[in-house]
Amino acid sequence: MKITILVDNPTSWFIPYAKILVSLLRTQGHRVSFVQAQKNIRKGDCLFLLSCGSIVSHDILERNTHNIVIHASKLPQGRGFAPLAWQILEGKNKIWISLFEAVEKLDSGDVYFQDFISFEGHELYDEMRKLEGEKVVAMALRFVNEYPSKGRPQHGKSTWYSKRRPCDSELNIKKTLRSQFNILRIVDNERYPAFFTYKGHTYILKISKKNN
């Protein structure tokens, strides 16, 4: 197969996993390109849109037979942005992941299959991303290895998550750390760290686990 993998955010957490996926697919004999801009997408059999922040236009989607997104929610629930983070804030530790066909309407294409990852409630950002990244790679490989697959339309009431902003990492100094631990779990220490404001000053908190 002729496959393209697009990650359009140059600082995306998924880039190392995208490179692993490229290597594994090439080992299987597929022709694989890794690109970080829509203009570099060429015609082929399958385009994987992974950790992409921009909407892909109709003419881009027409370049490949299949355009595949892998999204961390049980669609149609949890459409939109940052689904993993929002679900952790909701107290969930079983996170469904959907592999589906990209269409012009965001997160609404046919679903090929769904799987899940499980957490114990103590994992921090890097640990959660590692499990998510490994699952995304495995699901992408499954789609290629089982190709062609038949998708099914999404059924049920859809829900939506909004984009997370740096201000969403703010802690409330009047609340306990225990009650805000899930905020600490999902923050990126470098790009959007936890912070609080006190006496007119803003303080940054970075969290990591002590090695046992």
N, C-alpha and C. Protein backbone atom coordinates (compact mmCIF):
# COMPACT_ATOMS: atom_id res chain seq x y z
N MET A 1 0.83 -1.20 0.00
CA MET A 1 0.00 0.00 0.00
C MET A 1 0.87 1.26 0.00
N LYS A 2 0.34 2.31 -0.57
CA LYS A 2 0.98 3.61 -0.52
C LYS A 2 0.32 4.42 0.58
N ILE A 3 1.08 4.71 1.64
CA ILE A 3 0.53 5.27 2.87
C ILE A 3 1.23 6.58 3.20
N THR A 4 0.45 7.56 3.64
CA THR A 4 1.00 8.82 4.15
C THR A 4 0.54 9.00 5.59
N ILE A 5 1.46 9.45 6.43
CA ILE A 5 1.14 9.75 7.83
C ILE A 5 1.37 11.24 8.04
N LEU A 6 0.30 11.94 8.43
CA LEU A 6 0.38 13.37 8.66
C LEU A 6 0.29 13.68 10.16
N VAL A 7 1.27 14.42 10.67
CA VAL A 7 1.22 15.04 12.00
C VAL A 7 1.55 16.51 11.78
N ASP A 8 0.54 17.37 11.85
CA ASP A 8 0.74 18.76 11.42
C ASP A 8 1.21 19.71 12.52
N ASN A 9 1.40 19.19 13.73
CA ASN A 9 1.92 20.01 14.83
C ASN A 9 3.38 19.65 15.06
N PRO A 10 4.32 20.57 14.79
CA PRO A 10 5.75 20.24 14.90
C PRO A 10 6.20 19.91 16.32
N THR A 11 5.38 20.25 17.32
CA THR A 11 5.75 19.94 18.71
C THR A 11 4.87 18.83 19.29
N SER A 12 4.14 18.12 18.44
CA SER A 12 3.21 17.10 18.92
C SER A 12 3.91 16.00 19.70
N TRP A 13 3.25 15.57 20.77
CA TRP A 13 3.73 14.44 21.56
C TRP A 13 3.78 13.16 20.74
N PHE A 14 2.99 13.10 19.63
CA PHE A 14 2.86 11.86 18.88
C PHE A 14 3.98 11.63 17.88
N ILE A 15 4.80 12.60 17.59
CA ILE A 15 5.81 12.46 16.54
C ILE A 15 6.70 11.22 16.73
N PRO A 16 7.22 10.94 17.92
CA PRO A 16 8.04 9.71 18.06
C PRO A 16 7.26 8.44 17.72
N TYR A 17 5.98 8.40 18.05
CA TYR A 17 5.17 7.22 17.75
C TYR A 17 4.86 7.16 16.26
N ALA A 18 4.69 8.30 15.62
CA ALA A 18 4.48 8.32 14.17
C ALA A 18 5.70 7.74 13.45
N LYS A 19 6.88 8.06 13.93
CA LYS A 19 8.10 7.53 13.31
C LYS A 19 8.22 6.02 13.53
N ILE A 20 7.77 5.55 14.69
CA ILE A 20 7.74 4.10 14.92
C ILE A 20 6.79 3.44 13.94
N LEU A 21 5.62 4.05 13.75
CA LEU A 21 4.63 3.49 12.82
C LEU A 21 5.17 3.46 11.40
N VAL A 22 5.84 4.52 10.99
CA VAL A 22 6.45 4.56 9.65
C VAL A 22 7.42 3.40 9.49
N SER A 23 8.28 3.20 10.48
CA SER A 23 9.29 2.14 10.40
C SER A 23 8.64 0.76 10.32
N LEU A 24 7.62 0.52 11.14
CA LEU A 24 6.96 -0.78 11.14
C LEU A 24 6.25 -1.05 9.82
N LEU A 25 5.60 -0.05 9.26
CA LEU A 25 4.91 -0.23 7.98
C LEU A 25 5.89 -0.47 6.85
N ARG A 26 7.01 0.23 6.89
CA ARG A 26 8.03 0.01 5.86
C ARG A 26 8.61 -1.39 5.95
N THR A 27 8.75 -1.88 7.17
CA THR A 27 9.26 -3.24 7.36
C THR A 27 8.32 -4.26 6.73
N GLN A 28 7.03 -3.94 6.71
CA GLN A 28 6.04 -4.83 6.10
C GLN A 28 5.99 -4.69 4.57
N GLY A 29 6.78 -3.77 4.03
CA GLY A 29 6.85 -3.62 2.58
C GLY A 29 5.99 -2.52 1.99
N HIS A 30 5.36 -1.70 2.83
CA HIS A 30 4.54 -0.60 2.33
C HIS A 30 5.39 0.61 1.99
N ARG A 31 4.90 1.42 1.07
CA ARG A 31 5.55 2.69 0.72
C ARG A 31 4.94 3.77 1.61
N VAL A 32 5.75 4.31 2.50
CA VAL A 32 5.22 5.19 3.54
C VAL A 32 5.95 6.53 3.54
N SER A 33 5.16 7.60 3.60
CA SER A 33 5.71 8.95 3.72
C SER A 33 5.22 9.56 5.03
N PHE A 34 6.11 10.26 5.71
CA PHE A 34 5.76 11.00 6.91
C PHE A 34 5.84 12.49 6.59
N VAL A 35 4.72 13.21 6.71
CA VAL A 35 4.68 14.63 6.36
C VAL A 35 4.10 15.42 7.52
N GLN A 36 4.40 16.73 7.52
CA GLN A 36 3.92 17.59 8.60
C GLN A 36 3.18 18.82 8.06
N ALA A 37 2.80 18.75 6.78
CA ALA A 37 2.01 19.82 6.17
C ALA A 37 1.08 19.21 5.13
N GLN A 38 -0.15 19.70 5.05
CA GLN A 38 -1.12 19.15 4.12
C GLN A 38 -0.67 19.26 2.67
N LYS A 39 0.07 20.30 2.35
CA LYS A 39 0.51 20.49 0.97
C LYS A 39 1.42 19.37 0.47
N ASN A 40 2.00 18.62 1.42
CA ASN A 40 2.93 17.54 1.05
C ASN A 40 2.25 16.18 0.92
N ILE A 41 0.93 16.14 1.09
CA ILE A 41 0.20 14.88 0.97
C ILE A 41 0.03 14.54 -0.51
N ARG A 42 0.41 13.34 -0.88
CA ARG A 42 0.28 12.89 -2.25
C ARG A 42 -0.82 11.84 -2.38
N LYS A 43 -1.15 11.49 -3.61
CA LYS A 43 -2.17 10.47 -3.85
C LYS A 43 -1.69 9.10 -3.37
N GLY A 44 -2.63 8.32 -2.85
CA GLY A 44 -2.26 7.00 -2.38
C GLY A 44 -3.46 6.21 -1.92
N ASP A 45 -3.18 5.15 -1.17
CA ASP A 45 -4.23 4.27 -0.67
C ASP A 45 -4.78 4.73 0.67
N CYS A 46 -3.92 5.26 1.53
CA CYS A 46 -4.37 5.59 2.88
C CYS A 46 -3.58 6.76 3.45
N LEU A 47 -4.30 7.71 4.01
CA LEU A 47 -3.72 8.82 4.74
C LEU A 47 -4.13 8.68 6.21
N PHE A 48 -3.15 8.62 7.09
CA PHE A 48 -3.41 8.63 8.53
C PHE A 48 -3.23 10.06 9.04
N LEU A 49 -4.29 10.60 9.62
CA LEU A 49 -4.27 11.94 10.20
C LEU A 49 -4.15 11.78 11.71
N LEU A 50 -2.96 11.91 12.22
CA LEU A 50 -2.70 11.56 13.62
C LEU A 50 -2.18 12.78 14.38
N SER A 51 -2.87 13.11 15.47
CA SER A 51 -2.52 14.28 16.28
C SER A 51 -2.50 15.55 15.43
N CYS A 52 -3.54 15.70 14.62
CA CYS A 52 -3.63 16.86 13.73
C CYS A 52 -4.56 17.91 14.32
N GLY A 53 -4.14 19.16 14.25
CA GLY A 53 -4.93 20.24 14.82
C GLY A 53 -5.71 21.05 13.81
N SER A 54 -5.47 20.83 12.53
CA SER A 54 -6.14 21.62 11.50
C SER A 54 -7.14 20.77 10.72
N ILE A 55 -8.17 21.41 10.21
CA ILE A 55 -9.18 20.73 9.40
C ILE A 55 -8.61 20.45 8.02
N VAL A 56 -8.86 19.25 7.53
CA VAL A 56 -8.36 18.86 6.21
C VAL A 56 -9.45 19.12 5.18
N SER A 57 -9.09 19.81 4.13
CA SER A 57 -10.06 20.20 3.11
C SER A 57 -10.48 19.02 2.24
N HIS A 58 -11.59 19.21 1.53
CA HIS A 58 -12.15 18.15 0.69
C HIS A 58 -11.16 17.70 -0.39
N ASP A 59 -10.45 18.63 -1.01
CA ASP A 59 -9.54 18.25 -2.08
C ASP A 59 -8.36 17.43 -1.55
N ILE A 60 -7.98 17.67 -0.30
CA ILE A 60 -6.92 16.85 0.30
C ILE A 60 -7.44 15.45 0.56
N LEU A 61 -8.66 15.35 1.09
CA LEU A 61 -9.24 14.03 1.38
C LEU A 61 -9.39 13.20 0.11
N GLU A 62 -9.59 13.84 -1.02
CA GLU A 62 -9.78 13.10 -2.27
C GLU A 62 -8.49 12.48 -2.80
N ARG A 63 -7.37 12.84 -2.23
CA ARG A 63 -6.09 12.33 -2.74
C ARG A 63 -5.85 10.87 -2.36
N ASN A 64 -6.55 10.39 -1.32
CA ASN A 64 -6.34 9.01 -0.88
C ASN A 64 -7.66 8.26 -0.82
N THR A 65 -7.59 6.96 -1.01
CA THR A 65 -8.78 6.12 -0.95
C THR A 65 -9.41 6.16 0.44
N HIS A 66 -8.56 6.12 1.46
CA HIS A 66 -9.03 6.20 2.84
C HIS A 66 -8.25 7.27 3.59
N ASN A 67 -8.97 7.97 4.47
CA ASN A 67 -8.38 8.99 5.33
C ASN A 67 -8.75 8.64 6.76
N ILE A 68 -7.77 8.22 7.52
CA ILE A 68 -8.04 7.59 8.81
C ILE A 68 -7.60 8.49 9.97
N VAL A 69 -8.53 8.66 10.91
CA VAL A 69 -8.24 9.36 12.16
C VAL A 69 -8.38 8.37 13.31
N ILE A 70 -7.53 8.52 14.32
CA ILE A 70 -7.64 7.70 15.53
C ILE A 70 -7.80 8.66 16.70
N HIS A 71 -8.94 8.55 17.38
CA HIS A 71 -9.40 9.56 18.32
C HIS A 71 -9.71 8.92 19.67
N ALA A 72 -9.27 9.56 20.75
CA ALA A 72 -9.37 8.96 22.08
C ALA A 72 -10.73 9.18 22.73
N SER A 73 -11.77 8.64 22.11
CA SER A 73 -13.09 8.61 22.74
C SER A 73 -13.92 7.55 22.04
N LYS A 74 -15.06 7.20 22.66
CA LYS A 74 -15.95 6.23 22.07
C LYS A 74 -16.98 6.98 21.24
N LEU A 75 -16.60 7.31 20.01
CA LEU A 75 -17.47 8.09 19.15
C LEU A 75 -18.84 7.42 18.97
N PRO A 76 -19.91 8.24 18.91
CA PRO A 76 -19.92 9.70 18.71
C PRO A 76 -19.76 10.53 19.98
N GLN A 77 -19.58 9.89 21.13
CA GLN A 77 -19.32 10.65 22.34
C GLN A 77 -17.88 11.16 22.32
N GLY A 78 -17.68 12.37 22.79
CA GLY A 78 -16.33 12.89 22.92
C GLY A 78 -15.70 13.38 21.63
N ARG A 79 -16.53 13.86 20.70
CA ARG A 79 -15.94 14.49 19.51
C ARG A 79 -15.24 15.79 19.93
N GLY A 80 -14.36 16.28 19.04
CA GLY A 80 -13.72 17.55 19.33
C GLY A 80 -12.28 17.42 19.75
N PHE A 81 -11.91 18.18 20.76
CA PHE A 81 -10.50 18.39 21.08
C PHE A 81 -10.12 17.83 22.46
N ALA A 82 -8.86 17.40 22.56
CA ALA A 82 -8.27 16.95 23.83
C ALA A 82 -9.16 15.95 24.58
N PRO A 83 -9.67 14.93 23.90
CA PRO A 83 -10.60 14.02 24.57
C PRO A 83 -9.99 13.26 25.74
N LEU A 84 -8.72 12.89 25.64
CA LEU A 84 -8.08 12.18 26.76
C LEU A 84 -8.06 13.05 28.01
N ALA A 85 -7.62 14.28 27.86
CA ALA A 85 -7.51 15.18 29.02
C ALA A 85 -8.87 15.42 29.66
N TRP A 86 -9.88 15.70 28.85
CA TRP A 86 -11.20 15.97 29.41
C TRP A 86 -11.76 14.77 30.15
N GLN A 87 -11.52 13.57 29.62
CA GLN A 87 -12.05 12.38 30.29
C GLN A 87 -11.33 12.09 31.60
N ILE A 88 -10.03 12.36 31.64
CA ILE A 88 -9.31 12.20 32.91
C ILE A 88 -9.87 13.17 33.94
N LEU A 89 -10.17 14.39 33.53
CA LEU A 89 -10.77 15.36 34.45
C LEU A 89 -12.16 14.91 34.91
N GLU A 90 -12.84 14.13 34.09
CA GLU A 90 -14.13 13.59 34.48
C GLU A 90 -14.01 12.41 35.42
N GLY A 91 -12.78 11.97 35.67
CA GLY A 91 -12.56 10.86 36.58
C GLY A 91 -12.53 9.50 35.92
N LYS A 92 -12.47 9.46 34.59
CA LYS A 92 -12.46 8.19 33.88
C LYS A 92 -11.04 7.62 33.81
N ASN A 93 -10.94 6.31 33.92
CA ASN A 93 -9.66 5.63 33.76
C ASN A 93 -9.68 4.58 32.64
N LYS A 94 -10.87 4.33 32.08
CA LYS A 94 -10.99 3.50 30.88
C LYS A 94 -11.28 4.44 29.73
N ILE A 95 -10.33 4.55 28.82
CA ILE A 95 -10.44 5.50 27.71
C ILE A 95 -10.57 4.74 26.40
N TRP A 96 -11.71 4.90 25.76
CA TRP A 96 -11.93 4.26 24.47
C TRP A 96 -11.21 5.03 23.36
N ILE A 97 -10.80 4.31 22.34
CA ILE A 97 -10.13 4.92 21.19
C ILE A 97 -10.81 4.41 19.93
N SER A 98 -11.16 5.32 19.05
CA SER A 98 -11.90 4.99 17.83
C SER A 98 -11.04 5.23 16.60
N LEU A 99 -11.03 4.27 15.69
CA LEU A 99 -10.39 4.43 14.39
C LEU A 99 -11.51 4.59 13.37
N PHE A 100 -11.52 5.72 12.66
CA PHE A 100 -12.64 6.03 11.79
C PHE A 100 -12.20 6.78 10.54
N GLU A 101 -13.12 6.87 9.60
CA GLU A 101 -12.87 7.55 8.33
C GLU A 101 -13.08 9.05 8.49
N ALA A 102 -12.11 9.83 8.07
CA ALA A 102 -12.25 11.29 8.12
C ALA A 102 -13.17 11.76 7.00
N VAL A 103 -14.10 12.63 7.36
CA VAL A 103 -14.96 13.30 6.39
C VAL A 103 -14.93 14.79 6.72
N GLU A 104 -15.60 15.58 5.89
CA GLU A 104 -15.52 17.03 6.08
C GLU A 104 -16.13 17.48 7.40
N LYS A 105 -17.15 16.81 7.87
CA LYS A 105 -17.74 17.15 9.16
C LYS A 105 -16.91 16.51 10.26
N LEU A 106 -16.43 17.29 11.19
CA LEU A 106 -15.44 16.85 12.18
C LEU A 106 -15.90 15.63 12.98
N ASP A 107 -15.05 14.60 12.98
CA ASP A 107 -15.22 13.41 13.84
C ASP A 107 -16.55 12.69 13.62
N SER A 108 -17.05 12.66 12.41
CA SER A 108 -18.37 12.08 12.17
C SER A 108 -18.37 10.94 11.17
N GLY A 109 -17.20 10.51 10.69
CA GLY A 109 -17.14 9.47 9.68
C GLY A 109 -17.40 8.08 10.23
N ASP A 110 -17.49 7.11 9.34
CA ASP A 110 -17.74 5.72 9.72
C ASP A 110 -16.60 5.19 10.60
N VAL A 111 -16.98 4.42 11.60
CA VAL A 111 -16.01 3.82 12.53
C VAL A 111 -15.67 2.41 12.05
N TYR A 112 -14.38 2.09 12.01
CA TYR A 112 -13.94 0.75 11.62
C TYR A 112 -13.85 -0.17 12.84
N PHE A 113 -13.23 0.31 13.89
CA PHE A 113 -13.22 -0.45 15.13
C PHE A 113 -12.80 0.46 16.29
N GLN A 114 -13.06 -0.04 17.50
CA GLN A 114 -12.75 0.70 18.72
C GLN A 114 -12.04 -0.22 19.70
N ASP A 115 -11.16 0.36 20.48
CA ASP A 115 -10.41 -0.37 21.50
C ASP A 115 -10.28 0.57 22.69
N PHE A 116 -9.58 0.16 23.72
CA PHE A 116 -9.46 1.04 24.88
C PHE A 116 -8.12 0.84 25.58
N ILE A 117 -7.76 1.82 26.37
CA ILE A 117 -6.62 1.74 27.27
C ILE A 117 -7.14 1.98 28.68
N SER A 118 -6.46 1.41 29.67
CA SER A 118 -6.89 1.54 31.06
C SER A 118 -5.78 2.13 31.90
N PHE A 119 -6.16 3.01 32.80
CA PHE A 119 -5.24 3.61 33.75
C PHE A 119 -5.64 3.21 35.17
N GLU A 120 -4.72 3.38 36.10
CA GLU A 120 -4.99 3.08 37.50
C GLU A 120 -5.29 4.33 38.32
N GLY A 121 -5.09 5.50 37.72
CA GLY A 121 -5.40 6.74 38.41
C GLY A 121 -4.22 7.50 38.95
N HIS A 122 -3.01 6.93 38.79
CA HIS A 122 -1.80 7.60 39.28
C HIS A 122 -0.91 8.11 38.15
N GLU A 123 -1.20 7.70 36.93
CA GLU A 123 -0.32 8.00 35.81
C GLU A 123 -0.29 9.50 35.51
N LEU A 124 0.88 9.98 35.16
CA LEU A 124 1.04 11.38 34.76
C LEU A 124 1.04 11.47 33.23
N TYR A 125 1.16 12.69 32.74
CA TYR A 125 1.01 12.99 31.32
C TYR A 125 1.83 12.06 30.43
N ASP A 126 3.14 11.95 30.67
CA ASP A 126 3.99 11.15 29.79
C ASP A 126 3.60 9.67 29.80
N GLU A 127 3.21 9.18 30.96
CA GLU A 127 2.81 7.78 31.06
C GLU A 127 1.52 7.53 30.28
N MET A 128 0.57 8.45 30.39
CA MET A 128 -0.68 8.28 29.66
C MET A 128 -0.47 8.39 28.16
N ARG A 129 0.36 9.34 27.75
CA ARG A 129 0.63 9.48 26.32
C ARG A 129 1.34 8.26 25.76
N LYS A 130 2.21 7.63 26.56
CA LYS A 130 2.90 6.43 26.10
C LYS A 130 1.90 5.32 25.80
N LEU A 131 0.97 5.08 26.72
CA LEU A 131 -0.04 4.05 26.48
C LEU A 131 -0.92 4.39 25.29
N GLU A 132 -1.30 5.67 25.18
CA GLU A 132 -2.12 6.09 24.06
C GLU A 132 -1.36 5.94 22.74
N GLY A 133 -0.11 6.39 22.72
CA GLY A 133 0.68 6.30 21.50
C GLY A 133 0.87 4.88 21.03
N GLU A 134 1.16 3.98 21.96
CA GLU A 134 1.34 2.57 21.60
C GLU A 134 0.04 1.96 21.06
N LYS A 135 -1.09 2.36 21.66
CA LYS A 135 -2.37 1.83 21.18
C LYS A 135 -2.71 2.38 19.78
N VAL A 136 -2.44 3.64 19.55
CA VAL A 136 -2.69 4.23 18.23
C VAL A 136 -1.87 3.51 17.17
N VAL A 137 -0.61 3.26 17.45
CA VAL A 137 0.25 2.54 16.50
C VAL A 137 -0.32 1.15 16.22
N ALA A 138 -0.74 0.46 17.27
CA ALA A 138 -1.28 -0.89 17.11
C ALA A 138 -2.57 -0.88 16.29
N MET A 139 -3.42 0.13 16.51
CA MET A 139 -4.67 0.19 15.77
C MET A 139 -4.43 0.54 14.31
N ALA A 140 -3.48 1.42 14.04
CA ALA A 140 -3.14 1.74 12.65
C ALA A 140 -2.61 0.52 11.91
N LEU A 141 -1.77 -0.25 12.57
CA LEU A 141 -1.25 -1.47 11.97
C LEU A 141 -2.37 -2.47 11.72
N ARG A 142 -3.30 -2.55 12.65
CA ARG A 142 -4.43 -3.46 12.47
C ARG A 142 -5.25 -3.07 11.24
N PHE A 143 -5.50 -1.78 11.06
CA PHE A 143 -6.27 -1.34 9.90
C PHE A 143 -5.57 -1.74 8.61
N VAL A 144 -4.27 -1.54 8.55
CA VAL A 144 -3.51 -1.89 7.34
C VAL A 144 -3.49 -3.39 7.13
N ASN A 145 -3.28 -4.15 8.20
CA ASN A 145 -3.16 -5.60 8.07
C ASN A 145 -4.49 -6.27 7.72
N GLU A 146 -5.61 -5.64 8.12
CA GLU A 146 -6.93 -6.21 7.85
C GLU A 146 -7.60 -5.57 6.63
N TYR A 147 -6.87 -4.72 5.94
CA TYR A 147 -7.42 -3.97 4.81
C TYR A 147 -7.87 -4.92 3.70
N PRO A 148 -9.03 -4.71 3.06
CA PRO A 148 -9.98 -3.63 3.35
C PRO A 148 -10.94 -4.00 4.47
N SER A 149 -11.28 -3.02 5.30
CA SER A 149 -12.24 -3.21 6.38
C SER A 149 -13.53 -2.46 6.06
N LYS A 150 -14.61 -2.89 6.68
CA LYS A 150 -15.89 -2.25 6.45
C LYS A 150 -16.25 -1.43 7.68
N GLY A 151 -16.48 -0.13 7.48
CA GLY A 151 -16.85 0.73 8.60
C GLY A 151 -18.35 0.70 8.85
N ARG A 152 -18.73 1.29 9.97
CA ARG A 152 -20.15 1.40 10.32
C ARG A 152 -20.46 2.85 10.70
N PRO A 153 -21.63 3.33 10.37
CA PRO A 153 -21.98 4.70 10.75
C PRO A 153 -22.02 4.85 12.27
N GLN A 154 -21.73 6.04 12.73
CA GLN A 154 -21.81 6.32 14.16
C GLN A 154 -23.28 6.40 14.57
N HIS A 155 -23.58 5.83 15.73
CA HIS A 155 -24.94 5.83 16.24
C HIS A 155 -24.95 6.41 17.65
N GLY A 156 -26.03 7.08 17.99
CA GLY A 156 -26.18 7.62 19.33
C GLY A 156 -25.98 9.13 19.36
N LYS A 157 -26.19 9.67 20.53
CA LYS A 157 -26.08 11.12 20.72
C LYS A 157 -24.62 11.53 20.80
N SER A 158 -24.26 12.55 20.05
CA SER A 158 -22.87 13.02 20.07
C SER A 158 -22.66 14.03 21.19
N THR A 159 -21.45 14.03 21.74
CA THR A 159 -21.03 15.06 22.70
C THR A 159 -19.73 15.66 22.20
N TRP A 160 -19.42 16.85 22.70
CA TRP A 160 -18.28 17.60 22.17
C TRP A 160 -17.38 18.12 23.28
N TYR A 161 -16.09 18.07 23.01
CA TYR A 161 -15.10 18.68 23.89
C TYR A 161 -14.49 19.90 23.20
N SER A 162 -14.27 20.95 23.97
CA SER A 162 -13.66 22.16 23.43
C SER A 162 -12.14 22.09 23.52
N LYS A 163 -11.47 22.98 22.85
CA LYS A 163 -10.02 23.06 22.93
C LYS A 163 -9.61 23.44 24.36
N ARG A 164 -8.54 22.82 24.82
CA ARG A 164 -7.98 23.23 26.10
C ARG A 164 -7.01 24.37 25.88
N ARG A 165 -7.01 25.29 26.83
CA ARG A 165 -6.15 26.47 26.75
C ARG A 165 -5.17 26.46 27.91
N PRO A 166 -4.07 27.22 27.82
CA PRO A 166 -3.13 27.26 28.94
C PRO A 166 -3.78 27.63 30.26
N CYS A 167 -4.82 28.45 30.22
CA CYS A 167 -5.48 28.86 31.46
C CYS A 167 -6.22 27.70 32.13
N ASP A 168 -6.48 26.61 31.37
CA ASP A 168 -7.15 25.46 31.96
C ASP A 168 -6.26 24.68 32.92
N SER A 169 -4.96 25.02 32.95
CA SER A 169 -4.03 24.35 33.86
C SER A 169 -3.89 25.09 35.19
N GLU A 170 -4.76 26.08 35.43
CA GLU A 170 -4.67 26.85 36.67
C GLU A 170 -5.22 26.05 37.85
N LEU A 171 -4.50 26.09 38.97
CA LEU A 171 -4.93 25.47 40.21
C LEU A 171 -5.58 26.50 41.11
N ASN A 172 -6.50 26.05 41.93
CA ASN A 172 -7.18 26.90 42.89
C ASN A 172 -6.54 26.69 44.25
N ILE A 173 -5.87 27.70 44.79
CA ILE A 173 -5.13 27.53 46.05
C ILE A 173 -6.05 27.32 47.24
N LYS A 174 -7.35 27.54 47.05
CA LYS A 174 -8.30 27.32 48.13
C LYS A 174 -8.78 25.86 48.19
N LYS A 175 -8.40 25.08 47.16
CA LYS A 175 -8.78 23.67 47.12
C LYS A 175 -7.58 22.79 47.43
N THR A 176 -7.82 21.55 47.82
CA THR A 176 -6.73 20.64 48.15
C THR A 176 -6.06 20.12 46.88
N LEU A 177 -4.81 19.68 47.01
CA LEU A 177 -4.13 19.04 45.90
C LEU A 177 -4.85 17.75 45.50
N ARG A 178 -5.36 17.03 46.50
CA ARG A 178 -6.07 15.79 46.20
C ARG A 178 -7.23 16.04 45.24
N SER A 179 -7.99 17.10 45.50
CA SER A 179 -9.16 17.37 44.67
C SER A 179 -8.77 17.85 43.28
N GLN A 180 -7.53 18.28 43.09
CA GLN A 180 -7.06 18.80 41.81
C GLN A 180 -5.99 17.92 41.17
N PHE A 181 -5.86 16.71 41.70
CA PHE A 181 -4.78 15.84 41.22
C PHE A 181 -4.92 15.51 39.74
N ASN A 182 -6.14 15.35 39.25
CA ASN A 182 -6.30 15.03 37.83
C ASN A 182 -5.86 16.17 36.92
N ILE A 183 -5.95 17.40 37.40
CA ILE A 183 -5.39 18.52 36.63
C ILE A 183 -3.88 18.34 36.52
N LEU A 184 -3.24 17.99 37.64
CA LEU A 184 -1.80 17.79 37.64
C LEU A 184 -1.39 16.62 36.75
N ARG A 185 -2.24 15.63 36.67
CA ARG A 185 -1.92 14.46 35.85
C ARG A 185 -1.83 14.80 34.37
N ILE A 186 -2.66 15.73 33.90
CA ILE A 186 -2.76 15.96 32.46
C ILE A 186 -1.92 17.14 31.97
N VAL A 187 -1.28 17.88 32.87
CA VAL A 187 -0.52 19.03 32.40
C VAL A 187 0.79 18.59 31.76
N ASP A 188 1.21 19.35 30.78
CA ASP A 188 2.52 19.20 30.15
C ASP A 188 3.44 20.19 30.84
N ASN A 189 4.47 19.69 31.52
CA ASN A 189 5.35 20.56 32.32
C ASN A 189 6.02 21.66 31.50
N GLU A 190 6.20 21.44 30.22
CA GLU A 190 6.91 22.42 29.40
C GLU A 190 5.95 23.33 28.62
N ARG A 191 4.93 22.75 28.00
CA ARG A 191 4.08 23.54 27.11
C ARG A 191 2.91 24.21 27.83
N TYR A 192 2.30 23.53 28.76
CA TYR A 192 1.19 24.14 29.51
C TYR A 192 1.21 23.61 30.95
N PRO A 193 2.17 24.09 31.74
CA PRO A 193 2.34 23.62 33.12
C PRO A 193 1.22 24.10 34.03
N ALA A 194 1.09 23.42 35.15
CA ALA A 194 0.17 23.87 36.19
C ALA A 194 0.69 25.17 36.80
N PHE A 195 -0.23 26.02 37.22
CA PHE A 195 0.17 27.29 37.83
C PHE A 195 -0.92 27.76 38.78
N PHE A 196 -0.56 28.70 39.63
CA PHE A 196 -1.55 29.37 40.47
C PHE A 196 -1.10 30.81 40.68
N THR A 197 -2.05 31.64 40.99
CA THR A 197 -1.78 33.06 41.23
C THR A 197 -2.01 33.36 42.71
N TYR A 198 -1.04 34.10 43.29
CA TYR A 198 -1.12 34.42 44.72
C TYR A 198 -0.46 35.78 44.96
N LYS A 199 -1.21 36.67 45.60
CA LYS A 199 -0.72 38.01 45.92
C LYS A 199 -0.16 38.73 44.70
N GLY A 200 -0.87 38.60 43.59
CA GLY A 200 -0.50 39.32 42.39
C GLY A 200 0.62 38.70 41.58
N HIS A 201 1.08 37.51 41.97
CA HIS A 201 2.15 36.84 41.24
C HIS A 201 1.68 35.46 40.78
N THR A 202 2.23 35.03 39.65
CA THR A 202 1.90 33.72 39.10
C THR A 202 3.05 32.76 39.34
N TYR A 203 2.73 31.58 39.87
CA TYR A 203 3.73 30.57 40.20
C TYR A 203 3.49 29.31 39.37
N ILE A 204 4.56 28.76 38.86
CA ILE A 204 4.50 27.56 38.03
C ILE A 204 4.81 26.33 38.89
N LEU A 205 4.01 25.30 38.72
CA LEU A 205 4.24 24.01 39.39
C LEU A 205 4.53 22.94 38.34
N LYS A 206 5.59 22.21 38.51
CA LYS A 206 5.90 21.08 37.63
C LYS A 206 5.85 19.80 38.45
N ILE A 207 5.27 18.77 37.87
CA ILE A 207 5.06 17.54 38.60
C ILE A 207 5.81 16.38 37.94
N SER A 208 6.39 15.53 38.76
CA SER A 208 7.04 14.32 38.27
C SER A 208 6.99 13.28 39.39
N LYS A 209 7.20 12.04 39.02
CA LYS A 209 7.19 10.95 40.01
C LYS A 209 8.61 10.72 40.53
N LYS A 210 8.68 10.43 41.81
CA LYS A 210 9.95 10.04 42.41
C LYS A 210 10.26 8.62 42.03
N ASN A 211 11.48 8.37 41.56
CA ASN A 211 11.87 7.00 41.19
C ASN A 211 12.00 6.16 42.45
N ASN A 212 11.38 4.98 42.41
CA ASN A 212 11.44 4.08 43.56
C ASN A 212 12.72 3.22 43.52
